[in-house]
Every structure is written in structure tokens, then in C-alpha cells.
Protein backbone atom coordinates (compact mmCIF):
# COMPACT_ATOMS: atom_id res chain seq x y z
CA MET A 1 10.44 1.95 41.81
CA ARG A 2 12.72 -1.00 41.16
CA GLU A 3 10.74 -2.05 38.07
CA ALA A 4 10.74 1.52 36.79
CA ARG A 5 14.49 1.83 37.33
CA GLU A 6 15.17 -1.46 35.55
CA SER A 7 12.95 -0.46 32.63
CA GLU A 8 15.01 2.71 32.20
CA HIS A 9 18.07 0.58 31.46
CA GLU A 10 16.34 -1.74 28.99
CA ARG A 11 17.65 -1.24 25.50
CA PRO A 12 14.92 -0.22 23.03
CA ALA A 13 14.29 -2.41 20.03
CA LEU A 14 14.51 -1.34 16.43
CA ARG A 15 11.19 -2.86 15.51
CA PRO A 16 8.70 -0.73 13.58
CA GLY A 17 5.20 -2.14 13.78
CA VAL A 18 4.28 -4.87 11.37
CA ALA A 19 1.33 -2.68 10.37
CA ILE A 20 3.72 0.03 9.11
CA LEU A 21 5.64 -2.48 7.03
CA LEU A 22 2.40 -3.91 5.68
CA LEU A 23 1.16 -0.43 4.75
CA GLY A 24 4.45 0.28 3.03
CA SER A 25 4.17 -2.95 1.07
CA LEU A 26 0.58 -2.20 0.10
CA TYR A 27 1.66 1.25 -1.05
CA CYS A 28 4.31 -0.33 -3.27
CA ILE A 29 1.82 -2.78 -4.74
CA GLY A 30 -0.64 0.06 -5.27
CA LEU A 31 1.95 2.00 -7.25
CA GLU A 32 2.63 -1.01 -9.45
CA CYS A 33 -1.09 -1.62 -10.01
CA ALA A 34 -1.60 2.04 -10.91
CA ARG A 35 1.24 1.80 -13.42
CA ILE A 36 -0.26 -1.30 -15.00
CA VAL A 37 -3.70 0.31 -15.26
CA TYR A 38 -2.27 3.55 -16.69
CA THR A 39 0.16 2.00 -19.18
CA GLY A 40 -1.08 -1.54 -19.72
CA ASN A 41 2.56 -2.57 -19.24
CA ARG A 42 3.66 -5.14 -16.66
CA PHE A 43 7.41 -4.61 -16.94
CA TYR A 44 7.96 -3.94 -13.23
CA LEU A 45 5.66 -6.69 -11.99
CA PHE A 46 8.71 -8.63 -10.79
CA LEU A 47 9.12 -6.05 -8.02
CA ILE A 48 6.14 -7.55 -6.20
CA TRP A 49 7.83 -10.97 -6.20
CA ASN A 50 11.07 -9.45 -4.96
CA LEU A 51 9.18 -7.73 -2.15
CA PHE A 52 7.56 -11.04 -1.21
CA LEU A 53 11.04 -12.57 -0.93
CA ALA A 54 12.06 -9.65 1.31
CA TRP A 55 9.23 -10.55 3.68
CA ILE A 56 10.60 -14.08 4.20
CA PRO A 57 13.57 -13.15 6.45
CA PHE A 58 11.32 -10.79 8.39
CA ALA A 59 8.76 -13.55 8.97
CA VAL A 60 11.51 -16.01 9.93
CA SER A 61 12.94 -13.50 12.44
CA LEU A 62 9.51 -13.31 14.09
CA LEU A 63 9.43 -17.09 14.25
CA ILE A 64 12.93 -17.22 15.75
CA GLU A 65 11.86 -14.72 18.39
CA LYS A 66 8.77 -16.77 19.21
CA VAL A 67 10.68 -20.06 19.46
CA GLN A 68 13.38 -18.49 21.64
CA SER A 69 10.81 -17.02 24.01
CA ARG A 70 9.25 -20.45 24.57
CA GLY A 71 12.45 -22.03 25.84
CA ARG A 72 15.74 -23.49 24.73
CA ARG A 73 15.48 -25.32 21.41
CA PRO A 74 19.00 -24.94 20.02
CA ALA A 75 18.61 -27.27 17.04
CA LEU A 76 15.46 -25.55 15.83
CA LEU A 77 16.93 -22.09 16.43
CA VAL A 78 20.05 -22.96 14.42
CA LEU A 79 17.89 -24.27 11.57
CA LEU A 80 15.73 -21.14 11.55
CA ALA A 81 18.80 -18.91 11.72
CA ALA A 82 20.24 -20.70 8.68
CA VAL A 83 16.98 -20.19 6.78
CA TRP A 84 16.95 -16.52 7.80
CA LEU A 85 20.54 -16.00 6.62
CA LEU A 86 19.79 -17.78 3.35
CA PHE A 87 16.92 -15.43 2.47
CA PHE A 88 18.30 -12.29 4.12
CA PRO A 89 20.10 -11.00 0.97
CA ASN A 90 16.75 -10.89 -0.86
CA ALA A 91 15.70 -7.89 1.23
CA PRO A 92 18.45 -5.42 0.25
CA TYR A 93 18.72 -6.97 -3.22
CA ILE A 94 15.83 -4.82 -4.47
CA ILE A 95 18.20 -1.84 -4.41
CA THR A 96 19.86 -3.25 -7.52
CA ASP A 97 16.56 -3.14 -9.42
CA PHE A 98 17.40 0.48 -10.23
CA ILE A 99 19.45 -1.10 -13.02
CA HIS A 100 16.16 -1.49 -14.91
CA LEU A 101 15.37 2.22 -14.69
CA ALA A 102 15.25 3.97 -18.08
CA PRO A 103 13.07 6.60 -19.78
CA ARG A 104 10.00 4.91 -21.21
CA ARG A 105 7.12 6.29 -23.21
CA ALA A 106 4.54 4.33 -21.26
CA ALA A 107 5.14 5.98 -17.87
CA PRO A 108 6.86 9.16 -16.63
CA LEU A 109 10.40 8.65 -15.41
CA TRP A 110 9.63 10.31 -12.06
CA PHE A 111 6.96 7.72 -11.39
CA ASP A 112 9.27 4.81 -12.13
CA VAL A 113 11.91 6.34 -9.83
CA LEU A 114 9.31 6.55 -7.06
CA LEU A 115 8.14 3.01 -7.80
CA ILE A 116 11.56 1.38 -7.55
CA ALA A 117 12.63 3.56 -4.60
CA SER A 118 9.50 2.56 -2.66
CA PHE A 119 10.08 -1.14 -3.24
CA ALA A 120 13.80 -0.83 -2.49
CA TRP A 121 13.28 1.09 0.76
CA THR A 122 10.54 -1.23 2.01
CA GLY A 123 12.62 -4.30 1.22
CA LEU A 124 15.70 -2.80 2.86
CA LEU A 125 13.71 -1.87 5.97
CA LEU A 126 12.26 -5.38 6.21
CA GLY A 127 15.75 -6.83 6.06
CA LEU A 128 17.36 -4.49 8.57
CA VAL A 129 14.53 -4.81 11.08
CA SER A 130 14.77 -8.60 10.85
CA LEU A 131 18.54 -8.32 11.33
CA ASN A 132 18.02 -6.26 14.47
CA ARG A 133 15.67 -8.88 15.89
CA VAL A 134 18.19 -11.65 15.26
CA GLN A 135 21.04 -9.53 16.61
CA ARG A 136 19.18 -8.86 19.87
CA LEU A 137 18.58 -12.57 20.36
CA ILE A 138 22.26 -13.33 19.76
CA SER A 139 23.29 -10.53 22.11
CA SER A 140 21.04 -11.84 24.86
CA ALA A 141 22.63 -15.28 24.54
CA ALA A 142 26.28 -14.48 23.79
CA GLY A 143 26.82 -10.79 24.59
CA ALA A 144 26.61 -7.49 22.76
CA LEU A 145 30.00 -7.82 21.04
CA VAL A 146 29.08 -11.17 19.47
CA GLY A 147 25.74 -9.68 18.45
CA TRP A 148 27.33 -6.76 16.62
CA LEU A 149 29.95 -8.99 14.98
CA SER A 150 27.17 -11.31 13.82
CA ALA A 151 25.24 -8.38 12.37
CA ALA A 152 28.33 -7.15 10.50
CA GLY A 153 28.97 -10.65 9.18
CA ALA A 154 25.37 -11.02 8.02
CA LEU A 155 25.56 -7.69 6.18
CA LEU A 156 28.81 -8.73 4.51
CA LEU A 157 27.26 -12.02 3.40
CA ALA A 158 24.20 -10.13 2.19
CA ALA A 159 26.42 -7.90 0.06
CA PHE A 160 28.05 -10.99 -1.45
CA GLY A 161 24.59 -12.47 -1.99
CA ILE A 162 23.55 -9.30 -3.83
CA TYR A 163 26.51 -9.78 -6.16
CA ILE A 164 25.64 -13.42 -6.79
CA GLY A 165 22.00 -12.59 -7.44
CA ARG A 166 22.60 -9.64 -9.75
CA PHE A 167 25.71 -10.66 -11.68
CA GLU A 168 25.76 -14.46 -11.40
CA VAL A 169 21.96 -14.69 -11.76
CA ARG A 170 21.57 -16.99 -8.76
CA ASN A 171 18.89 -17.00 -6.08
CA SER A 172 18.20 -18.50 -2.67
CA TRP A 173 16.48 -21.53 -4.16
CA ASP A 174 19.72 -22.63 -5.88
CA ILE A 175 21.11 -23.79 -2.54
CA VAL A 176 18.38 -26.45 -2.66
CA LEU A 177 18.02 -27.04 -6.41
CA ARG A 178 21.68 -26.76 -7.45
CA PRO A 179 23.79 -26.77 -4.29
CA GLY A 180 26.89 -28.29 -5.86
CA LEU A 181 27.18 -25.72 -8.64
CA LEU A 182 26.55 -22.81 -6.27
CA VAL A 183 29.08 -24.02 -3.71
CA ARG A 184 31.78 -24.59 -6.37
CA GLU A 185 31.33 -21.16 -7.94
CA THR A 186 31.21 -19.40 -4.58
CA TRP A 187 34.23 -21.26 -3.23
CA HIS A 188 36.29 -20.43 -6.30
CA GLN A 189 35.49 -16.72 -5.98
CA LEU A 190 36.25 -16.68 -2.28
CA THR A 191 39.56 -18.55 -2.62
CA SER A 192 40.74 -16.63 -5.70
CA PRO A 193 39.61 -13.05 -5.05
CA ALA A 194 42.28 -11.52 -7.29
CA LEU A 195 40.64 -13.17 -10.30
CA TYR A 196 37.30 -11.52 -9.52
CA PRO A 197 37.83 -7.77 -9.00
CA ARG A 198 34.17 -7.06 -9.73
CA THR A 199 33.14 -9.48 -6.99
CA LEU A 200 35.33 -7.62 -4.51
CA GLY A 201 34.19 -4.20 -5.68
CA VAL A 202 30.47 -4.93 -5.59
CA THR A 203 30.62 -6.86 -2.31
CA PHE A 204 32.72 -4.22 -0.54
CA SER A 205 30.63 -1.30 -1.84
CA TYR A 206 27.29 -2.81 -0.86
CA ALA A 207 28.64 -4.06 2.48
CA VAL A 208 29.73 -0.54 3.44
CA PHE A 209 26.41 0.89 2.28
CA LEU A 210 24.40 -1.66 4.26
CA MET A 211 26.51 -1.23 7.39
CA LEU A 212 26.21 2.56 7.28
CA THR A 213 22.46 2.35 6.71
CA TYR A 214 22.05 -0.11 9.57
CA ALA A 215 24.21 2.01 11.87
CA THR A 216 22.14 5.07 10.99
CA LEU A 217 18.88 3.33 11.84
CA CYS A 218 20.34 1.99 15.08
CA GLU A 219 21.56 5.46 16.03
CA ILE A 220 18.12 6.93 15.35
CA ALA A 221 16.60 4.24 17.57
CA GLY A 222 19.24 4.77 20.26
CA LEU A 223 20.74 1.31 19.76
CA LEU A 224 24.20 2.23 18.50
CA PRO A 225 26.77 1.52 21.24
CA THR A 226 28.51 4.59 22.70
CA LEU A 227 30.79 5.05 25.68
CA ARG A 228 28.02 6.74 27.67
CA ARG A 229 25.52 3.99 26.91
CA PHE A 230 28.12 1.35 27.72
CA ARG A 231 28.82 2.94 31.10
CA ARG A 232 25.10 3.25 31.81
CA PHE A 233 24.54 -0.39 30.87
CA THR A 234 27.50 -1.55 32.96
CA ARG A 235 26.32 0.49 35.96
CA ALA A 236 22.81 -0.96 35.63
CA ARG A 237 24.15 -4.51 35.57
CA GLY A 238 26.35 -3.79 38.58
CA GLU A 239 23.40 -2.47 40.58
CA GLY A 240 21.35 -5.47 39.60
CA SER A 241 24.04 -7.95 40.71
CA THR A 242 24.33 -6.34 44.16
CA ARG A 243 20.64 -6.75 44.93
């Protein structure tokens, strides 16, 4: 009875099965292959690479979860978290690939809409599920409030990363290959925001979109904090401390 009661108060995890994400990725690749066979055109082949990059933060989140479950290794966890944050913007970045959408004679427009939407949704889902994994680990170590603040911060940084990737034509590898240039450009934009209205507009717009999307998924999974859930969680902790 005690185990059953405790399990009732465990917060569910927003973690669709890896098999579902793999099937979604295979579906995207299948669409691209069908387009190539039908048209002989490889224009959207870059979507497969972008989807591969979206898998990196998801894979790193699994690794973080595994390392954390095996015991305290703070240095390794911090390193993995930095790698995750570095590649995290690649997941929602695929949304901006709609900029390439245009009527083409080779393929019907409806098919290209479906193609890009499938890649964008799968990449976004990979990113948000990985974020939820990392958030839960932070919450377990530092509390729910810190977890949610960390998630909001990661989404804000992801929105800024989307801007850098789309408009400044930078990528995650530049932090290794050209760190000085990337840091200088980023620092100048952050310290002189009035000079970069597009930076503010794009970052703010995508940050709000990502936060609303993440909140929607969390609400569907029953993870979004509410007063009732907070009271239930507090009551469960109080009962546990008295035993």
C-alpha cells in the first residue's frame, strides 16, 4: 500500500519512447527519399543532416540521465550539460527551414510542406523531450523552481541560437573551430541590443513560441505546475517526512 501510495505522487515524465522518435525520423527520411526518386532533385537533402544534429542533444540527455543514475560525478555532468546546451538549438532550428519553401515544378507544393513540417516537428520534439529529461534531473537536485527557470533559460538561449544559425550563418561547431569570432559577435549583440532590433525580434518571437510549445506538451503530459498539483506534491512530501 505504501509503495502504491508513493507511486501515485510520482510526477510522470515527458518521455515518448525512443522507438516513436526513431519511427518519426525514418518517416522523414522516407519522404525525402521518395522526393529524390520522384524528382531526381536533392534540394532538401540537408534536412536529413539537420535532423541528425537534432538527435545529438537527445542522445546527450540520455547519457546525462545514465551518468546521474550511477552516482555523483559533478564534473562529468557539467561537461555533458554544456555539450547538451551547445547542440540544443539545432533541434528547434529546423523550423526555420520553411524559409526554403517555394513552388517548384519538380514536386507538388503540398508534398514539400509535409516534408519540411515532418522534419521540423520531429526535430522540435527531440529537443523538447531532451529538455524535459535535463529539467527533471535539475529539479531532483536543486528543486522544481530551479528546474523550470533552467528550462526557460535554455529555451531563450535556443531562440538566440536559432537567430545566430539562420541569420549569422553560424553553427555549433564554430564554438570549437572559431570560438573567438563567435564570442565577439555574440557579446557585441548582447551588450548593444538597441543596435540589433532583428536580433531582439527573432529571439523574442522564437523564445515565446518555444516556451508555449513546451508548456503545451508539459500540460498534456500532466507536468505543468498548478496550485492543485503543488498542494498534492507538498502533502505527499509531508506524509513521507512523518514516516
